[in-house]
Amino acid sequence: MSRHLNLAAHYTRLIARWPIDALRPENRQFQRLLENRLRATNETATVDGNDLSKQANAAYLLLDDVLSKRYPLSDKLMKPASRPTLYEELDQELQEGPRRGMMSYIWKRITGMVRRQ
């Protein structure tokens, strides 16, 4: 029983700390998945606690960027010779995307279709 309460506390902590994804709708956020998983474990006692513990630990590793610190990406991978600014442009686009209005979205599509020389 105490193991179940401990897992519930971990899942609650993960839900509170997990960042909101601006590109996803509210019903597709990772927090909703964790809440549903927590609700399912509360309703059924037959769920494997060891498996849930491993999943919670994996989520903590992702949340704290442990893997990106342990296995950093090289500059050669992040700045390909064919287009060195690719990932910086992609990051900028992902930051601007949720704040963009419909007209600027249409304008961006049209200017992307026309090749400027």
PDB file of N, CA and C in Angstrom:
ATOM      1  N   MET A   1       0.812  -1.196   0.000  1.00  0.00           N
ATOM      2  CA  MET A   1       0.000   0.000   0.000  1.00  0.00           C
ATOM      3  C   MET A   1       0.854   1.258   0.000  1.00  0.00           C
ATOM      4  N   SER A   2       1.941   1.254   0.799  1.00  0.00           N
ATOM      5  CA  SER A   2       2.771   2.456   0.841  1.00  0.00           C
ATOM      6  C   SER A   2       3.506   2.653  -0.481  1.00  0.00           C
ATOM      7  N   ARG A   3       3.818   1.533  -1.167  1.00  0.00           N
ATOM      8  CA  ARG A   3       4.464   1.644  -2.479  1.00  0.00           C
ATOM      9  C   ARG A   3       3.520   2.316  -3.465  1.00  0.00           C
ATOM     10  N   HIS A   4       2.230   1.986  -3.382  1.00  0.00           N
ATOM     11  CA  HIS A   4       1.228   2.591  -4.255  1.00  0.00           C
ATOM     12  C   HIS A   4       1.112   4.094  -3.977  1.00  0.00           C
ATOM     13  N   LEU A   5       1.146   4.487  -2.716  1.00  0.00           N
ATOM     14  CA  LEU A   5       1.080   5.904  -2.364  1.00  0.00           C
ATOM     15  C   LEU A   5       2.332   6.636  -2.824  1.00  0.00           C
ATOM     16  N   ASN A   6       3.474   5.968  -2.743  1.00  0.00           N
ATOM     17  CA  ASN A   6       4.725   6.558  -3.192  1.00  0.00           C
ATOM     18  C   ASN A   6       4.692   6.810  -4.704  1.00  0.00           C
ATOM     19  N   LEU A   7       4.177   5.824  -5.465  1.00  0.00           N
ATOM     20  CA  LEU A   7       4.048   6.002  -6.911  1.00  0.00           C
ATOM     21  C   LEU A   7       3.076   7.122  -7.242  1.00  0.00           C
ATOM     22  N   ALA A   8       1.989   7.205  -6.490  1.00  0.00           N
ATOM     23  CA  ALA A   8       1.021   8.277  -6.716  1.00  0.00           C
ATOM     24  C   ALA A   8       1.664   9.644  -6.464  1.00  0.00           C
ATOM     25  N   ALA A   9       2.503   9.728  -5.458  1.00  0.00           N
ATOM     26  CA  ALA A   9       3.199  10.989  -5.178  1.00  0.00           C
ATOM     27  C   ALA A   9       4.166  11.338  -6.309  1.00  0.00           C
ATOM     28  N   HIS A  10       4.850  10.335  -6.847  1.00  0.00           N
ATOM     29  CA  HIS A  10       5.763  10.584  -7.966  1.00  0.00           C
ATOM     30  C   HIS A  10       5.001  11.080  -9.193  1.00  0.00           C
ATOM     31  N   TYR A  11       3.898  10.418  -9.505  1.00  0.00           N
ATOM     32  CA  TYR A  11       3.113  10.835 -10.665  1.00  0.00           C
ATOM     33  C   TYR A  11       2.540  12.239 -10.472  1.00  0.00           C
ATOM     34  N   THR A  12       2.092  12.559  -9.269  1.00  0.00           N
ATOM     35  CA  THR A  12       1.578  13.901  -8.987  1.00  0.00           C
ATOM     36  C   THR A  12       2.680  14.947  -9.155  1.00  0.00           C
ATOM     37  N   ARG A  13       3.872  14.630  -8.698  1.00  0.00           N
ATOM     38  CA  ARG A  13       5.007  15.542  -8.838  1.00  0.00           C
ATOM     39  C   ARG A  13       5.378  15.730 -10.317  1.00  0.00           C
ATOM     40  N   LEU A  14       5.345  14.638 -11.083  1.00  0.00           N
ATOM     41  CA  LEU A  14       5.634  14.733 -12.521  1.00  0.00           C
ATOM     42  C   LEU A  14       4.604  15.598 -13.235  1.00  0.00           C
ATOM     43  N   ILE A  15       3.341  15.432 -12.886  1.00  0.00           N
ATOM     44  CA  ILE A  15       2.276  16.235 -13.505  1.00  0.00           C
ATOM     45  C   ILE A  15       2.501  17.712 -13.228  1.00  0.00           C
ATOM     46  N   ALA A  16       2.899  18.038 -12.017  1.00  0.00           N
ATOM     47  CA  ALA A  16       3.106  19.442 -11.649  1.00  0.00           C
ATOM     48  C   ALA A  16       4.335  20.043 -12.339  1.00  0.00           C
ATOM     49  N   ARG A  17       5.377  19.252 -12.526  1.00  0.00           N
ATOM     50  CA  ARG A  17       6.634  19.780 -13.068  1.00  0.00           C
ATOM     51  C   ARG A  17       6.725  19.735 -14.585  1.00  0.00           C
ATOM     52  N   TRP A  18       5.916  18.907 -15.246  1.00  0.00           N
ATOM     53  CA  TRP A  18       6.062  18.720 -16.687  1.00  0.00           C
ATOM     54  C   TRP A  18       5.650  19.992 -17.428  1.00  0.00           C
ATOM     55  N   PRO A  19       6.475  20.478 -18.364  1.00  0.00           N
ATOM     56  CA  PRO A  19       6.137  21.723 -19.075  1.00  0.00           C
ATOM     57  C   PRO A  19       4.971  21.522 -20.040  1.00  0.00           C
ATOM     58  N   ILE A  20       4.221  22.580 -20.254  1.00  0.00           N
ATOM     59  CA  ILE A  20       3.089  22.541 -21.174  1.00  0.00           C
ATOM     60  C   ILE A  20       3.608  22.705 -22.596  1.00  0.00           C
ATOM     61  N   ASP A  21       3.145  21.863 -23.491  1.00  0.00           N
ATOM     62  CA  ASP A  21       3.531  21.908 -24.894  1.00  0.00           C
ATOM     63  C   ASP A  21       2.576  22.847 -25.617  1.00  0.00           C
ATOM     64  N   ALA A  22       3.091  23.968 -26.102  1.00  0.00           N
ATOM     65  CA  ALA A  22       2.259  24.978 -26.739  1.00  0.00           C
ATOM     66  C   ALA A  22       1.704  24.524 -28.077  1.00  0.00           C
ATOM     67  N   LEU A  23       2.304  23.520 -28.690  1.00  0.00           N
ATOM     68  CA  LEU A  23       1.844  23.060 -29.993  1.00  0.00           C
ATOM     69  C   LEU A  23       0.731  22.024 -29.911  1.00  0.00           C
ATOM     70  N   ARG A  24       0.512  21.456 -28.754  1.00  0.00           N
ATOM     71  CA  ARG A  24      -0.510  20.417 -28.605  1.00  0.00           C
ATOM     72  C   ARG A  24      -1.778  20.992 -27.990  1.00  0.00           C
ATOM     73  N   PRO A  25      -2.939  20.443 -28.386  1.00  0.00           N
ATOM     74  CA  PRO A  25      -4.184  20.864 -27.727  1.00  0.00           C
ATOM     75  C   PRO A  25      -4.209  20.380 -26.283  1.00  0.00           C
ATOM     76  N   GLU A  26      -5.078  20.977 -25.494  1.00  0.00           N
ATOM     77  CA  GLU A  26      -5.124  20.692 -24.061  1.00  0.00           C
ATOM     78  C   GLU A  26      -5.395  19.218 -23.765  1.00  0.00           C
ATOM     79  N   ASN A  27      -6.238  18.574 -24.558  1.00  0.00           N
ATOM     80  CA  ASN A  27      -6.565  17.175 -24.267  1.00  0.00           C
ATOM     81  C   ASN A  27      -5.471  16.212 -24.720  1.00  0.00           C
ATOM     82  N   ARG A  28      -4.413  16.696 -25.371  1.00  0.00           N
ATOM     83  CA  ARG A  28      -3.308  15.842 -25.819  1.00  0.00           C
ATOM     84  C   ARG A  28      -1.999  16.138 -25.081  1.00  0.00           C
ATOM     85  N   GLN A  29      -2.074  16.864 -23.991  1.00  0.00           N
ATOM     86  CA  GLN A  29      -0.892  17.171 -23.202  1.00  0.00           C
ATOM     87  C   GLN A  29      -0.414  15.917 -22.469  1.00  0.00           C
ATOM     88  N   PHE A  30       0.881  15.848 -22.207  1.00  0.00           N
ATOM     89  CA  PHE A  30       1.457  14.704 -21.506  1.00  0.00           C
ATOM     90  C   PHE A  30       0.919  14.604 -20.077  1.00  0.00           C
ATOM     91  N   GLN A  31       0.561  15.752 -19.498  1.00  0.00           N
ATOM     92  CA  GLN A  31       0.000  15.752 -18.153  1.00  0.00           C
ATOM     93  C   GLN A  31      -1.303  14.951 -18.105  1.00  0.00           C
ATOM     94  N   ARG A  32      -2.130  15.047 -19.172  1.00  0.00           N
ATOM     95  CA  ARG A  32      -3.392  14.291 -19.203  1.00  0.00           C
ATOM     96  C   ARG A  32      -3.112  12.788 -19.224  1.00  0.00           C
ATOM     97  N   LEU A  33      -2.075  12.383 -19.967  1.00  0.00           N
ATOM     98  CA  LEU A  33      -1.704  10.966 -19.997  1.00  0.00           C
ATOM     99  C   LEU A  33      -1.286  10.492 -18.608  1.00  0.00           C
ATOM    100  N   LEU A  34      -0.490  11.295 -17.923  1.00  0.00           N
ATOM    101  CA  LEU A  34      -0.053  10.916 -16.580  1.00  0.00           C
ATOM    102  C   LEU A  34      -1.239  10.871 -15.615  1.00  0.00           C
ATOM    103  N   GLU A  35      -2.167  11.829 -15.745  1.00  0.00           N
ATOM    104  CA  GLU A  35      -3.352  11.827 -14.883  1.00  0.00           C
ATOM    105  C   GLU A  35      -4.199  10.584 -15.126  1.00  0.00           C
ATOM    106  N   ASN A  36      -4.374  10.213 -16.390  1.00  0.00           N
ATOM    107  CA  ASN A  36      -5.142   8.998 -16.706  1.00  0.00           C
ATOM    108  C   ASN A  36      -4.452   7.754 -16.175  1.00  0.00           C
ATOM    109  N   ARG A  37      -3.134   7.714 -16.273  1.00  0.00           N
ATOM    110  CA  ARG A  37      -2.384   6.567 -15.747  1.00  0.00           C
ATOM    111  C   ARG A  37      -2.526   6.498 -14.227  1.00  0.00           C
ATOM    112  N   LEU A  38      -2.459   7.632 -13.564  1.00  0.00           N
ATOM    113  CA  LEU A  38      -2.622   7.674 -12.106  1.00  0.00           C
ATOM    114  C   LEU A  38      -4.029   7.240 -11.713  1.00  0.00           C
ATOM    115  N   ARG A  39      -5.035   7.700 -12.446  1.00  0.00           N
ATOM    116  CA  ARG A  39      -6.416   7.326 -12.169  1.00  0.00           C
ATOM    117  C   ARG A  39      -6.611   5.811 -12.359  1.00  0.00           C
ATOM    118  N   ALA A  40      -5.991   5.262 -13.407  1.00  0.00           N
ATOM    119  CA  ALA A  40      -6.120   3.828 -13.668  1.00  0.00           C
ATOM    120  C   ALA A  40      -5.452   3.000 -12.569  1.00  0.00           C
ATOM    121  N   THR A  41      -4.329   3.479 -12.050  1.00  0.00           N
ATOM    122  CA  THR A  41      -3.662   2.718 -10.979  1.00  0.00           C
ATOM    123  C   THR A  41      -4.453   2.800  -9.682  1.00  0.00           C
ATOM    124  N   ASN A  42      -5.173   3.900  -9.472  1.00  0.00           N
ATOM    125  CA  ASN A  42      -5.996   4.016  -8.267  1.00  0.00           C
ATOM    126  C   ASN A  42      -7.215   3.098  -8.344  1.00  0.00           C
ATOM    127  N   GLU A  43      -7.749   2.902  -9.567  1.00  0.00           N
ATOM    128  CA  GLU A  43      -8.946   2.087  -9.718  1.00  0.00           C
ATOM    129  C   GLU A  43      -8.649   0.593  -9.689  1.00  0.00           C
ATOM    130  N   THR A  44      -7.504   0.185 -10.220  1.00  0.00           N
ATOM    131  CA  THR A  44      -7.185  -1.243 -10.253  1.00  0.00           C
ATOM    132  C   THR A  44      -5.928  -1.498  -9.452  1.00  0.00           C
ATOM    133  N   ALA A  45      -5.965  -2.511  -8.639  1.00  0.00           N
ATOM    134  CA  ALA A  45      -4.804  -2.853  -7.809  1.00  0.00           C
ATOM    135  C   ALA A  45      -3.936  -3.906  -8.487  1.00  0.00           C
ATOM    136  N   THR A  46      -4.299  -4.325  -9.703  1.00  0.00           N
ATOM    137  CA  THR A  46      -3.547  -5.393 -10.367  1.00  0.00           C
ATOM    138  C   THR A  46      -2.418  -4.864 -11.246  1.00  0.00           C
ATOM    139  N   VAL A  47      -2.204  -3.564 -11.257  1.00  0.00           N
ATOM    140  CA  VAL A  47      -1.157  -2.974 -12.088  1.00  0.00           C
ATOM    141  C   VAL A  47       0.202  -3.276 -11.471  1.00  0.00           C
ATOM    142  N   ASP A  48       1.169  -3.635 -12.309  1.00  0.00           N
ATOM    143  CA  ASP A  48       2.511  -3.970 -11.841  1.00  0.00           C
ATOM    144  C   ASP A  48       3.214  -2.703 -11.344  1.00  0.00           C
ATOM    145  N   GLY A  49       3.484  -2.644 -10.060  1.00  0.00           N
ATOM    146  CA  GLY A  49       4.107  -1.469  -9.467  1.00  0.00           C
ATOM    147  C   GLY A  49       5.534  -1.256  -9.932  1.00  0.00           C
ATOM    148  N   ASN A  50       6.263  -2.343 -10.203  1.00  0.00           N
ATOM    149  CA  ASN A  50       7.643  -2.240 -10.658  1.00  0.00           C
ATOM    150  C   ASN A  50       7.699  -1.574 -12.031  1.00  0.00           C
ATOM    151  N   ASP A  51       6.762  -1.939 -12.898  1.00  0.00           N
ATOM    152  CA  ASP A  51       6.697  -1.347 -14.233  1.00  0.00           C
ATOM    153  C   ASP A  51       6.383   0.149 -14.145  1.00  0.00           C
ATOM    154  N   LEU A  52       5.435   0.514 -13.291  1.00  0.00           N
ATOM    155  CA  LEU A  52       5.093   1.927 -13.116  1.00  0.00           C
ATOM    156  C   LEU A  52       6.256   2.716 -12.525  1.00  0.00           C
ATOM    157  N   SER A  53       6.995   2.095 -11.637  1.00  0.00           N
ATOM    158  CA  SER A  53       8.155   2.751 -11.048  1.00  0.00           C
ATOM    159  C   SER A  53       9.224   3.027 -12.110  1.00  0.00           C
ATOM    160  N   LYS A  54       9.444   2.059 -12.992  1.00  0.00           N
ATOM    161  CA  LYS A  54      10.407   2.262 -14.087  1.00  0.00           C
ATOM    162  C   LYS A  54       9.949   3.376 -15.019  1.00  0.00           C
ATOM    163  N   GLN A  55       8.659   3.431 -15.296  1.00  0.00           N
ATOM    164  CA  GLN A  55       8.135   4.479 -16.160  1.00  0.00           C
ATOM    165  C   GLN A  55       8.266   5.856 -15.513  1.00  0.00           C
ATOM    166  N   ALA A  56       8.023   5.943 -14.226  1.00  0.00           N
ATOM    167  CA  ALA A  56       8.186   7.214 -13.513  1.00  0.00           C
ATOM    168  C   ALA A  56       9.646   7.647 -13.517  1.00  0.00           C
ATOM    169  N   ASN A  57      10.559   6.704 -13.312  1.00  0.00           N
ATOM    170  CA  ASN A  57      11.984   7.034 -13.346  1.00  0.00           C
ATOM    171  C   ASN A  57      12.402   7.517 -14.731  1.00  0.00           C
ATOM    172  N   ALA A  58      11.880   6.886 -15.790  1.00  0.00           N
ATOM    173  CA  ALA A  58      12.191   7.325 -17.157  1.00  0.00           C
ATOM    174  C   ALA A  58      11.661   8.730 -17.402  1.00  0.00           C
ATOM    175  N   ALA A  59      10.480   9.031 -16.888  1.00  0.00           N
ATOM    176  CA  ALA A  59       9.926  10.379 -17.051  1.00  0.00           C
ATOM    177  C   ALA A  59      10.777  11.412 -16.318  1.00  0.00           C
ATOM    178  N   TYR A  60      11.275  11.066 -15.135  1.00  0.00           N
ATOM    179  CA  TYR A  60      12.169  11.986 -14.417  1.00  0.00           C
ATOM    180  C   TYR A  60      13.464  12.225 -15.200  1.00  0.00           C
ATOM    181  N   LEU A  61      13.997  11.183 -15.833  1.00  0.00           N
ATOM    182  CA  LEU A  61      15.206  11.347 -16.644  1.00  0.00           C
ATOM    183  C   LEU A  61      14.961  12.322 -17.799  1.00  0.00           C
ATOM    184  N   LEU A  62      13.810  12.219 -18.433  1.00  0.00           N
ATOM    185  CA  LEU A  62      13.472  13.143 -19.520  1.00  0.00           C
ATOM    186  C   LEU A  62      13.260  14.556 -18.999  1.00  0.00           C
ATOM    187  N   LEU A  63      12.588  14.668 -17.878  1.00  0.00           N
ATOM    188  CA  LEU A  63      12.269  15.978 -17.312  1.00  0.00           C
ATOM    189  C   LEU A  63      13.521  16.734 -16.889  1.00  0.00           C
ATOM    190  N   ASP A  64      14.492  16.033 -16.352  1.00  0.00           N
ATOM    191  CA  ASP A  64      15.708  16.678 -15.862  1.00  0.00           C
ATOM    192  C   ASP A  64      16.819  16.745 -16.910  1.00  0.00           C
ATOM    193  N   ASP A  65      16.557  16.355 -18.142  1.00  0.00           N
ATOM    194  CA  ASP A  65      17.528  16.373 -19.246  1.00  0.00           C
ATOM    195  C   ASP A  65      18.797  15.589 -18.923  1.00  0.00           C
ATOM    196  N   VAL A  66      18.660  14.529 -18.176  1.00  0.00           N
ATOM    197  CA  VAL A  66      19.821  13.720 -17.794  1.00  0.00           C
ATOM    198  C   VAL A  66      20.464  13.094 -19.035  1.00  0.00           C
ATOM    199  N   LEU A  67      19.636  12.603 -19.944  1.00  0.00           N
ATOM    200  CA  LEU A  67      20.179  11.915 -21.115  1.00  0.00           C
ATOM    201  C   LEU A  67      20.882  12.865 -22.072  1.00  0.00           C
ATOM    202  N   SER A  68      20.367  14.078 -22.227  1.00  0.00           N
ATOM    203  CA  SER A  68      21.044  15.024 -23.118  1.00  0.00           C
ATOM    204  C   SER A  68      22.358  15.517 -22.512  1.00  0.00           C
ATOM    205  N   LYS A  69      22.456  15.499 -21.198  1.00  0.00           N
ATOM    206  CA  LYS A  69      23.725  15.861 -20.562  1.00  0.00           C
ATOM    207  C   LYS A  69      24.725  14.709 -20.639  1.00  0.00           C
ATOM    208  N   ARG A  70      24.207  13.491 -20.521  1.00  0.00           N
ATOM    209  CA  ARG A  70      25.080  12.322 -20.570  1.00  0.00           C
ATOM    210  C   ARG A  70      25.557  12.028 -21.990  1.00  0.00           C
ATOM    211  N   TYR A  71      24.683  12.240 -22.955  1.00  0.00           N
ATOM    212  CA  TYR A  71      24.998  11.965 -24.365  1.00  0.00           C
ATOM    213  C   TYR A  71      24.786  13.225 -25.201  1.00  0.00           C
ATOM    214  N   PRO A  72      25.676  14.208 -25.096  1.00  0.00           N
ATOM    215  CA  PRO A  72      25.479  15.456 -25.851  1.00  0.00           C
ATOM    216  C   PRO A  72      25.636  15.229 -27.359  1.00  0.00           C
ATOM    217  N   LEU A  73      24.900  16.018 -28.124  1.00  0.00           N
ATOM    218  CA  LEU A  73      24.981  15.928 -29.577  1.00  0.00           C
ATOM    219  C   LEU A  73      26.164  16.751 -30.072  1.00  0.00           C
ATOM    220  N   SER A  74      26.857  16.232 -31.061  1.00  0.00           N
ATOM    221  CA  SER A  74      28.033  16.925 -31.574  1.00  0.00           C
ATOM    222  C   SER A  74      27.622  18.096 -32.467  1.00  0.00           C
ATOM    223  N   ASP A  75      28.533  19.054 -32.644  1.00  0.00           N
ATOM    224  CA  ASP A  75      28.270  20.194 -33.521  1.00  0.00           C
ATOM    225  C   ASP A  75      28.091  19.745 -34.968  1.00  0.00           C
ATOM    226  N   LYS A  76      28.782  18.686 -35.339  1.00  0.00           N
ATOM    227  CA  LYS A  76      28.658  18.184 -36.702  1.00  0.00           C
ATOM    228  C   LYS A  76      27.231  17.712 -36.974  1.00  0.00           C
ATOM    229  N   LEU A  77      26.598  17.134 -35.970  1.00  0.00           N
ATOM    230  CA  LEU A  77      25.226  16.677 -36.123  1.00  0.00           C
ATOM    231  C   LEU A  77      24.242  17.842 -36.048  1.00  0.00           C
ATOM    232  N   MET A  78      24.497  18.784 -35.171  1.00  0.00           N
ATOM    233  CA  MET A  78      23.577  19.901 -34.986  1.00  0.00           C
ATOM    234  C   MET A  78      23.716  20.985 -36.053  1.00  0.00           C
ATOM    235  N   LYS A  79      24.831  21.018 -36.748  1.00  0.00           N
ATOM    236  CA  LYS A  79      25.048  22.003 -37.815  1.00  0.00           C
ATOM    237  C   LYS A  79      25.520  21.275 -39.067  1.00  0.00           C
ATOM    238  N   PRO A  80      24.573  20.662 -39.799  1.00  0.00           N
ATOM    239  CA  PRO A  80      24.971  19.921 -41.002  1.00  0.00           C
ATOM    240  C   PRO A  80      25.589  20.850 -42.043  1.00  0.00           C
ATOM    241  N   ALA A  81      26.526  20.331 -42.799  1.00  0.00           N
ATOM    242  CA  ALA A  81      27.244  21.143 -43.786  1.00  0.00           C
ATOM    243  C   ALA A  81      26.313  21.705 -44.848  1.00  0.00           C
ATOM    244  N   SER A  82      25.256  20.976 -45.182  1.00  0.00           N
ATOM    245  CA  SER A  82      24.358  21.443 -46.227  1.00  0.00           C
ATOM    246  C   SER A  82      23.508  22.633 -45.782  1.00  0.00           C
ATOM    247  N   ARG A  83      23.204  22.723 -44.502  1.00  0.00           N
ATOM    248  CA  ARG A  83      22.390  23.830 -43.982  1.00  0.00           C
ATOM    249  C   ARG A  83      22.677  24.004 -42.493  1.00  0.00           C
ATOM    250  N   PRO A  84      23.705  24.766 -42.153  1.00  0.00           N
ATOM    251  CA  PRO A  84      24.141  24.860 -40.754  1.00  0.00           C
ATOM    252  C   PRO A  84      23.123  25.495 -39.802  1.00  0.00           C
ATOM    253  N   THR A  85      22.208  26.298 -40.313  1.00  0.00           N
ATOM    254  CA  THR A  85      21.259  26.974 -39.422  1.00  0.00           C
ATOM    255  C   THR A  85      19.912  26.260 -39.347  1.00  0.00           C
ATOM    256  N   LEU A  86      19.839  25.037 -39.827  1.00  0.00           N
ATOM    257  CA  LEU A  86      18.573  24.307 -39.904  1.00  0.00           C
ATOM    258  C   LEU A  86      17.875  24.213 -38.550  1.00  0.00           C
ATOM    259  N   TYR A  87      18.554  23.760 -37.520  1.00  0.00           N
ATOM    260  CA  TYR A  87      17.909  23.539 -36.229  1.00  0.00           C
ATOM    261  C   TYR A  87      17.619  24.855 -35.506  1.00  0.00           C
ATOM    262  N   GLU A  88      18.413  25.885 -35.749  1.00  0.00           N
ATOM    263  CA  GLU A  88      18.107  27.192 -35.166  1.00  0.00           C
ATOM    264  C   GLU A  88      16.847  27.765 -35.792  1.00  0.00           C
ATOM    265  N   GLU A  89      16.695  27.609 -37.113  1.00  0.00           N
ATOM    266  CA  GLU A  89      15.489  28.072 -37.799  1.00  0.00           C
ATOM    267  C   GLU A  89      14.272  27.272 -37.341  1.00  0.00           C
ATOM    268  N   LEU A  90      14.436  25.971 -37.177  1.00  0.00           N
ATOM    269  CA  LEU A  90      13.339  25.136 -36.716  1.00  0.00           C
ATOM    270  C   LEU A  90      12.905  25.533 -35.309  1.00  0.00           C
ATOM    271  N   ASP A  91      13.855  25.787 -34.433  1.00  0.00           N
ATOM    272  CA  ASP A  91      13.542  26.215 -33.074  1.00  0.00           C
ATOM    273  C   ASP A  91      12.806  27.551 -33.094  1.00  0.00           C
ATOM    274  N   GLN A  92      13.266  28.475 -33.924  1.00  0.00           N
ATOM    275  CA  GLN A  92      12.608  29.777 -34.035  1.00  0.00           C
ATOM    276  C   GLN A  92      11.176  29.610 -34.545  1.00  0.00           C
ATOM    277  N   GLU A  93      10.994  28.755 -35.522  1.00  0.00           N
ATOM    278  CA  GLU A  93       9.660  28.496 -36.069  1.00  0.00           C
ATOM    279  C   GLU A  93       8.737  27.879 -35.018  1.00  0.00           C
ATOM    280  N   LEU A  94       9.266  26.963 -34.215  1.00  0.00           N
ATOM    281  CA  LEU A  94       8.459  26.341 -33.166  1.00  0.00           C
ATOM    282  C   LEU A  94       8.095  27.339 -32.062  1.00  0.00           C
ATOM    283  N   GLN A  95       8.974  28.303 -31.799  1.00  0.00           N
ATOM    284  CA  GLN A  95       8.676  29.326 -30.805  1.00  0.00           C
ATOM    285  C   GLN A  95       7.620  30.305 -31.300  1.00  0.00           C
ATOM    286  N   GLU A  96       7.671  30.657 -32.590  1.00  0.00           N
ATOM    287  CA  GLU A  96       6.732  31.627 -33.155  1.00  0.00           C
ATOM    288  C   GLU A  96       5.386  31.008 -33.501  1.00  0.00           C
ATOM    289  N   GLY A  97       5.363  29.725 -33.812  1.00  0.00           N
ATOM    290  CA  GLY A  97       4.166  29.061 -34.308  1.00  0.00           C
ATOM    291  C   GLY A  97       2.903  29.244 -33.480  1.00  0.00           C
ATOM    292  N   PRO A  98       2.928  28.968 -32.194  1.00  0.00           N
ATOM    293  CA  PRO A  98       1.691  29.093 -31.409  1.00  0.00           C
ATOM    294  C   PRO A  98       1.161  30.517 -31.303  1.00  0.00           C
ATOM    295  N   ARG A  99       2.023  31.521 -31.440  1.00  0.00           N
ATOM    296  CA  ARG A  99       1.591  32.917 -31.316  1.00  0.00           C
ATOM    297  C   ARG A  99       1.155  33.511 -32.651  1.00  0.00           C
ATOM    298  N   ARG A 100       1.386  32.778 -33.726  1.00  0.00           N
ATOM    299  CA  ARG A 100       1.104  33.310 -35.055  1.00  0.00           C
ATOM    300  C   ARG A 100      -0.397  33.278 -35.335  1.00  0.00           C
ATOM    301  N   GLY A 101      -0.896  34.369 -35.940  1.00  0.00           N
ATOM    302  CA  GLY A 101      -2.298  34.441 -36.328  1.00  0.00           C
ATOM    303  C   GLY A 101      -2.523  33.759 -37.670  1.00  0.00           C
ATOM    304  N   MET A 102      -3.771  33.668 -38.058  1.00  0.00           N
ATOM    305  CA  MET A 102      -4.127  32.976 -39.290  1.00  0.00           C
ATOM    306  C   MET A 102      -3.565  33.680 -40.521  1.00  0.00           C
ATOM    307  N   MET A 103      -3.627  34.998 -40.558  1.00  0.00           N
ATOM    308  CA  MET A 103      -3.132  35.730 -41.733  1.00  0.00           C
ATOM    309  C   MET A 103      -1.617  35.611 -41.866  1.00  0.00           C
ATOM    310  N   SER A 104      -0.903  35.675 -40.765  1.00  0.00           N
ATOM    311  CA  SER A 104       0.553  35.525 -40.868  1.00  0.00           C
ATOM    312  C   SER A 104       0.920  34.091 -41.237  1.00  0.00           C
ATOM    313  N   TYR A 105       0.094  33.133 -40.829  1.00  0.00           N
ATOM    314  CA  TYR A 105       0.321  31.739 -41.226  1.00  0.00           C
ATOM    315  C   TYR A 105       0.152  31.595 -42.739  1.00  0.00           C
ATOM    316  N   ILE A 106      -0.909  32.187 -43.278  1.00  0.00           N
ATOM    317  CA  ILE A 106      -1.152  32.121 -44.726  1.00  0.00           C
ATOM    318  C   ILE A 106      -0.034  32.834 -45.476  1.00  0.00           C
ATOM    319  N   TRP A 107       0.370  34.008 -44.983  1.00  0.00           N
ATOM    320  CA  TRP A 107       1.447  34.771 -45.621  1.00  0.00           C
ATOM    321  C   TRP A 107       2.750  33.968 -45.619  1.00  0.00           C
ATOM    322  N   LYS A 108       3.036  33.299 -44.526  1.00  0.00           N
ATOM    323  CA  LYS A 108       4.252  32.484 -44.419  1.00  0.00           C
ATOM    324  C   LYS A 108       4.207  31.334 -45.420  1.00  0.00           C
ATOM    325  N   ARG A 109       3.034  30.721 -45.604  1.00  0.00           N
ATOM    326  CA  ARG A 109       2.889  29.638 -46.583  1.00  0.00           C
ATOM    327  C   ARG A 109       3.098  30.143 -48.006  1.00  0.00           C
ATOM    328  N   ILE A 110       2.532  31.306 -48.306  1.00  0.00           N
ATOM    329  CA  ILE A 110       2.637  31.863 -49.662  1.00  0.00           C
ATOM    330  C   ILE A 110       4.089  32.243 -49.960  1.00  0.00           C
ATOM    331  N   THR A 111       4.748  32.901 -49.025  1.00  0.00           N
ATOM    332  CA  THR A 111       6.147  33.289 -49.254  1.00  0.00           C
ATOM    333  C   THR A 111       7.050  32.063 -49.300  1.00  0.00           C
ATOM    334  N   GLY A 112       6.652  30.996 -48.654  1.00  0.00           N
ATOM    335  CA  GLY A 112       7.447  29.768 -48.726  1.00  0.00           C
ATOM    336  C   GLY A 112       7.319  29.080 -50.079  1.00  0.00           C
ATOM    337  N   MET A 113       6.205  29.315 -50.769  1.00  0.00           N
ATOM    338  CA  MET A 113       6.001  28.712 -52.092  1.00  0.00           C
ATOM    339  C   MET A 113       6.744  29.446 -53.192  1.00  0.00           C
ATOM    340  N   VAL A 114       6.937  30.744 -53.000  1.00  0.00           N
ATOM    341  CA  VAL A 114       7.573  31.572 -54.025  1.00  0.00           C
ATOM    342  C   VAL A 114       9.068  31.646 -53.741  1.00  0.00           C
ATOM    343  N   ARG A 115       9.848  31.330 -54.736  1.00  0.00           N
ATOM    344  CA  ARG A 115      11.293  31.390 -54.593  1.00  0.00           C
ATOM    345  C   ARG A 115      11.781  32.816 -54.861  1.00  0.00           C
ATOM    346  N   ARG A 116      12.478  33.370 -53.908  1.00  0.00           N
ATOM    347  CA  ARG A 116      13.048  34.718 -54.068  1.00  0.00           C
ATOM    348  C   ARG A 116      14.497  34.594 -54.514  1.00  0.00           C
ATOM    349  N   GLN A 117      14.891  35.431 -55.467  1.00  0.00           N
ATOM    350  CA  GLN A 117      16.278  35.371 -55.945  1.00  0.00           C
ATOM    351  C   GLN A 117      17.010  36.647 -55.687  1.00  0.00           C
TER     352      GLN A 117
END
